[in-house]
C-alpha cells in the first residue's frame, strides 16, 4: 500500500452542491452547508456551523439533477458526523469554516424534524 493511499470502501466523487443543514439538537434551525464530495456511504461538507463527532444531522441537498447518481437523487439524507477539521481556502473566502465527514444513517428523520 502506498504511504498516502486512502482506505475507503467506496469510491469518492467530487461534487459541489449547496445544502440545508439541520442539527438534530436544534430542530427549528437551518444552516447553510456545501457538499464537497460524496460516496455511496457518505459525504464531506463545509459550513460555518460547529458540529461535533457523533452528532446526528439532517441534510437537504439543493439543485437536484434528475440524471445524477448518489447522493443527488436522494434529496434528503440523515447522517452522523464522523470526522471534523478546520477548513480555509484563500481562493474562495471560506476561512473560518469547518469541514466534516458525514456517514449516511438509517435514522428516521420524521422522529426529529417537524
C-alpha atoms as a PDB file:
ATOM      1  CA  UNK A   1       0.000   0.000   0.000  1.00  0.00           C
ATOM      2  CA  UNK A   2       1.257   3.489  -0.827  1.00  0.00           C
ATOM      3  CA  UNK A   3       2.009   5.746   2.193  1.00  0.00           C
ATOM      4  CA  UNK A   4      -0.853   8.198   1.465  1.00  0.00           C
ATOM      5  CA  UNK A   5      -3.350   5.798  -0.072  1.00  0.00           C
ATOM      6  CA  UNK A   6      -6.824   6.113   1.417  1.00  0.00           C
ATOM      7  CA  UNK A   7      -8.578   3.108   2.933  1.00  0.00           C
ATOM      8  CA  UNK A   8     -12.110   3.684   1.615  1.00  0.00           C
ATOM      9  CA  UNK A   9     -14.696   1.040   0.818  1.00  0.00           C
ATOM     10  CA  UNK A  10     -16.428   3.180  -1.812  1.00  0.00           C
ATOM     11  CA  UNK A  11     -15.100   5.497  -4.487  1.00  0.00           C
ATOM     12  CA  UNK A  12     -15.412   9.229  -3.775  1.00  0.00           C
ATOM     13  CA  UNK A  13     -16.711  11.695  -6.348  1.00  0.00           C
ATOM     14  CA  UNK A  14     -16.073  15.429  -6.233  1.00  0.00           C
ATOM     15  CA  UNK A  15     -19.332  17.327  -6.480  1.00  0.00           C
ATOM     16  CA  UNK A  16     -20.126  20.729  -5.030  1.00  0.00           C
ATOM     17  CA  UNK A  17     -23.756  21.238  -4.048  1.00  0.00           C
ATOM     18  CA  UNK A  18     -25.373  23.722  -1.652  1.00  0.00           C
ATOM     19  CA  UNK A  19     -27.273  22.101   1.211  1.00  0.00           C
ATOM     20  CA  UNK A  20     -29.520  22.966   4.099  1.00  0.00           C
ATOM     21  CA  UNK A  21     -28.054  21.553   7.303  1.00  0.00           C
ATOM     22  CA  UNK A  22     -30.294  20.739  10.256  1.00  0.00           C
ATOM     23  CA  UNK A  23     -28.670  19.864  13.567  1.00  0.00           C
ATOM     24  CA  UNK A  24     -30.865  17.289  15.283  1.00  0.00           C
ATOM     25  CA  UNK A  25     -30.338  19.013  18.646  1.00  0.00           C
ATOM     26  CA  UNK A  26     -31.655  22.325  17.186  1.00  0.00           C
ATOM     27  CA  UNK A  27     -34.621  21.151  15.123  1.00  0.00           C
ATOM     28  CA  UNK A  28     -36.045  24.559  14.252  1.00  0.00           C
ATOM     29  CA  UNK A  29     -32.818  25.999  12.864  1.00  0.00           C
ATOM     30  CA  UNK A  30     -31.426  25.526   9.382  1.00  0.00           C
ATOM     31  CA  UNK A  31     -27.850  26.346   8.369  1.00  0.00           C
ATOM     32  CA  UNK A  32     -26.065  26.669   5.032  1.00  0.00           C
ATOM     33  CA  UNK A  33     -23.520  23.996   4.088  1.00  0.00           C
ATOM     34  CA  UNK A  34     -21.833  22.909   0.875  1.00  0.00           C
ATOM     35  CA  UNK A  35     -21.182  19.319  -0.115  1.00  0.00           C
ATOM     36  CA  UNK A  36     -17.639  18.923  -1.468  1.00  0.00           C
ATOM     37  CA  UNK A  37     -17.624  15.222  -2.370  1.00  0.00           C
ATOM     38  CA  UNK A  38     -19.658  12.069  -1.847  1.00  0.00           C
ATOM     39  CA  UNK A  39     -19.613   8.287  -1.957  1.00  0.00           C
ATOM     40  CA  UNK A  40     -22.175   5.536  -1.545  1.00  0.00           C
ATOM     41  CA  UNK A  41     -21.779   5.669   2.247  1.00  0.00           C
ATOM     42  CA  UNK A  42     -21.479   9.402   2.977  1.00  0.00           C
ATOM     43  CA  UNK A  43     -20.240  12.827   2.019  1.00  0.00           C
ATOM     44  CA  UNK A  44     -17.974  15.629   3.126  1.00  0.00           C
ATOM     45  CA  UNK A  45     -19.153  19.194   3.516  1.00  0.00           C
ATOM     46  CA  UNK A  46     -18.037  22.638   4.638  1.00  0.00           C
ATOM     47  CA  UNK A  47     -20.038  25.014   6.820  1.00  0.00           C
ATOM     48  CA  UNK A  48     -19.564  27.835   9.319  1.00  0.00           C
ATOM     49  CA  UNK A  49     -21.529  25.873  11.915  1.00  0.00           C
ATOM     50  CA  UNK A  50     -19.568  24.000  14.556  1.00  0.00           C
ATOM     51  CA  UNK A  51     -20.555  20.343  14.886  1.00  0.00           C
ATOM     52  CA  UNK A  52     -19.100  17.510  16.953  1.00  0.00           C
ATOM     53  CA  UNK A  53     -18.164  13.947  16.067  1.00  0.00           C
ATOM     54  CA  UNK A  54     -21.110  11.650  16.686  1.00  0.00           C
ATOM     55  CA  UNK A  55     -23.694  14.384  16.146  1.00  0.00           C
ATOM     56  CA  UNK A  56     -26.797  13.493  14.128  1.00  0.00           C
ATOM     57  CA  UNK A  57     -27.583  15.814  11.203  1.00  0.00           C
ATOM     58  CA  UNK A  58     -30.242  16.071   8.512  1.00  0.00           C
ATOM     59  CA  UNK A  59     -29.122  17.272   5.060  1.00  0.00           C
ATOM     60  CA  UNK A  60     -31.227  18.643   2.226  1.00  0.00           C
ATOM     61  CA  UNK A  61     -29.211  18.768  -0.983  1.00  0.00           C
ATOM     62  CA  UNK A  62     -30.203  21.636  -3.282  1.00  0.00           C
ATOM     63  CA  UNK A  63     -30.251  21.920  -7.101  1.00  0.00           C
ATOM     64  CA  UNK A  64     -31.001  18.293  -7.748  1.00  0.00           C
ATOM     65  CA  UNK A  65     -30.183  16.814 -11.127  1.00  0.00           C
ATOM     66  CA  UNK A  66     -32.616  14.099 -12.283  1.00  0.00           C
ATOM     67  CA  UNK A  67     -29.864  12.406 -14.331  1.00  0.00           C
ATOM     68  CA  UNK A  68     -27.368  12.293 -11.449  1.00  0.00           C
ATOM     69  CA  UNK A  69     -26.295   9.358  -9.298  1.00  0.00           C
ATOM     70  CA  UNK A  70     -25.943   9.333  -5.497  1.00  0.00           C
ATOM     71  CA  UNK A  71     -26.459  11.461  -3.492  1.00  0.00           C
ATOM     72  CA  UNK A  72     -28.141  13.953  -5.855  1.00  0.00           C
ATOM     73  CA  UNK A  73     -31.197  11.764  -6.373  1.00  0.00           C
ATOM     74  CA  UNK A  74     -31.576  11.478  -2.596  1.00  0.00           C
ATOM     75  CA  UNK A  75     -32.916  14.892  -1.778  1.00  0.00           C
ATOM     76  CA  UNK A  76     -32.748  14.318   1.993  1.00  0.00           C
ATOM     77  CA  UNK A  77     -30.143  12.388   3.960  1.00  0.00           C
ATOM     78  CA  UNK A  78     -29.745  11.748   7.662  1.00  0.00           C
ATOM     79  CA  UNK A  79     -26.188  11.222   8.809  1.00  0.00           C
ATOM     80  CA  UNK A  80     -23.686  11.073  11.644  1.00  0.00           C
ATOM     81  CA  UNK A  81     -20.646  13.346  11.797  1.00  0.00           C
ATOM     82  CA  UNK A  82     -17.609  11.024  11.699  1.00  0.00           C
ATOM     83  CA  UNK A  83     -14.709  13.488  11.465  1.00  0.00           C
ATOM     84  CA  UNK A  84     -14.051  17.213  11.604  1.00  0.00           C
ATOM     85  CA  UNK A  85     -11.248  19.657  10.819  1.00  0.00           C
ATOM     86  CA  UNK A  86     -10.853  23.423  10.306  1.00  0.00           C
ATOM     87  CA  UNK A  87     -11.203  24.461   6.674  1.00  0.00           C
ATOM     88  CA  UNK A  88      -9.810  27.501   4.934  1.00  0.00           C
ATOM     89  CA  UNK A  89      -9.151  28.445   1.348  1.00  0.00           C
ATOM     90  CA  UNK A  90      -7.514  31.593   0.034  1.00  0.00           C
ATOM     91  CA  UNK A  91      -9.334  31.204  -3.274  1.00  0.00           C
ATOM     92  CA  UNK A  92     -12.965  31.387  -2.219  1.00  0.00           C
ATOM     93  CA  UNK A  93     -13.102  33.206   1.108  1.00  0.00           C
ATOM     94  CA  UNK A  94     -14.084  30.211   3.206  1.00  0.00           C
ATOM     95  CA  UNK A  95     -11.797  30.996   6.143  1.00  0.00           C
ATOM     96  CA  UNK A  96     -13.402  30.276   9.484  1.00  0.00           C
ATOM     97  CA  UNK A  97     -15.346  27.305   8.177  1.00  0.00           C
ATOM     98  CA  UNK A  98     -15.203  23.674   9.206  1.00  0.00           C
ATOM     99  CA  UNK A  99     -15.026  20.560   7.053  1.00  0.00           C
ATOM    100  CA  UNK A 100     -16.924  17.445   8.133  1.00  0.00           C
ATOM    101  CA  UNK A 101     -17.245  13.858   7.055  1.00  0.00           C
ATOM    102  CA  UNK A 102     -20.804  12.557   7.369  1.00  0.00           C
ATOM    103  CA  UNK A 103     -21.781   8.890   7.163  1.00  0.00           C
ATOM    104  CA  UNK A 104     -25.339   8.269   5.971  1.00  0.00           C
ATOM    105  CA  UNK A 105     -27.612   6.885   8.670  1.00  0.00           C
ATOM    106  CA  UNK A 106     -30.848   4.922   8.655  1.00  0.00           C
ATOM    107  CA  UNK A 107     -32.393   7.036  11.432  1.00  0.00           C
ATOM    108  CA  UNK A 108     -35.989   8.036  10.681  1.00  0.00           C
ATOM    109  CA  UNK A 109     -35.939  11.805  10.157  1.00  0.00           C
ATOM    110  CA  UNK A 110     -39.641  12.281  10.903  1.00  0.00           C
ATOM    111  CA  UNK A 111     -38.774  11.455  14.521  1.00  0.00           C
ATOM    112  CA  UNK A 112     -36.549  14.548  14.656  1.00  0.00           C
ATOM    113  CA  UNK A 113     -37.955  17.190  12.300  1.00  0.00           C
ATOM    114  CA  UNK A 114     -41.391  18.799  12.312  1.00  0.00           C
END
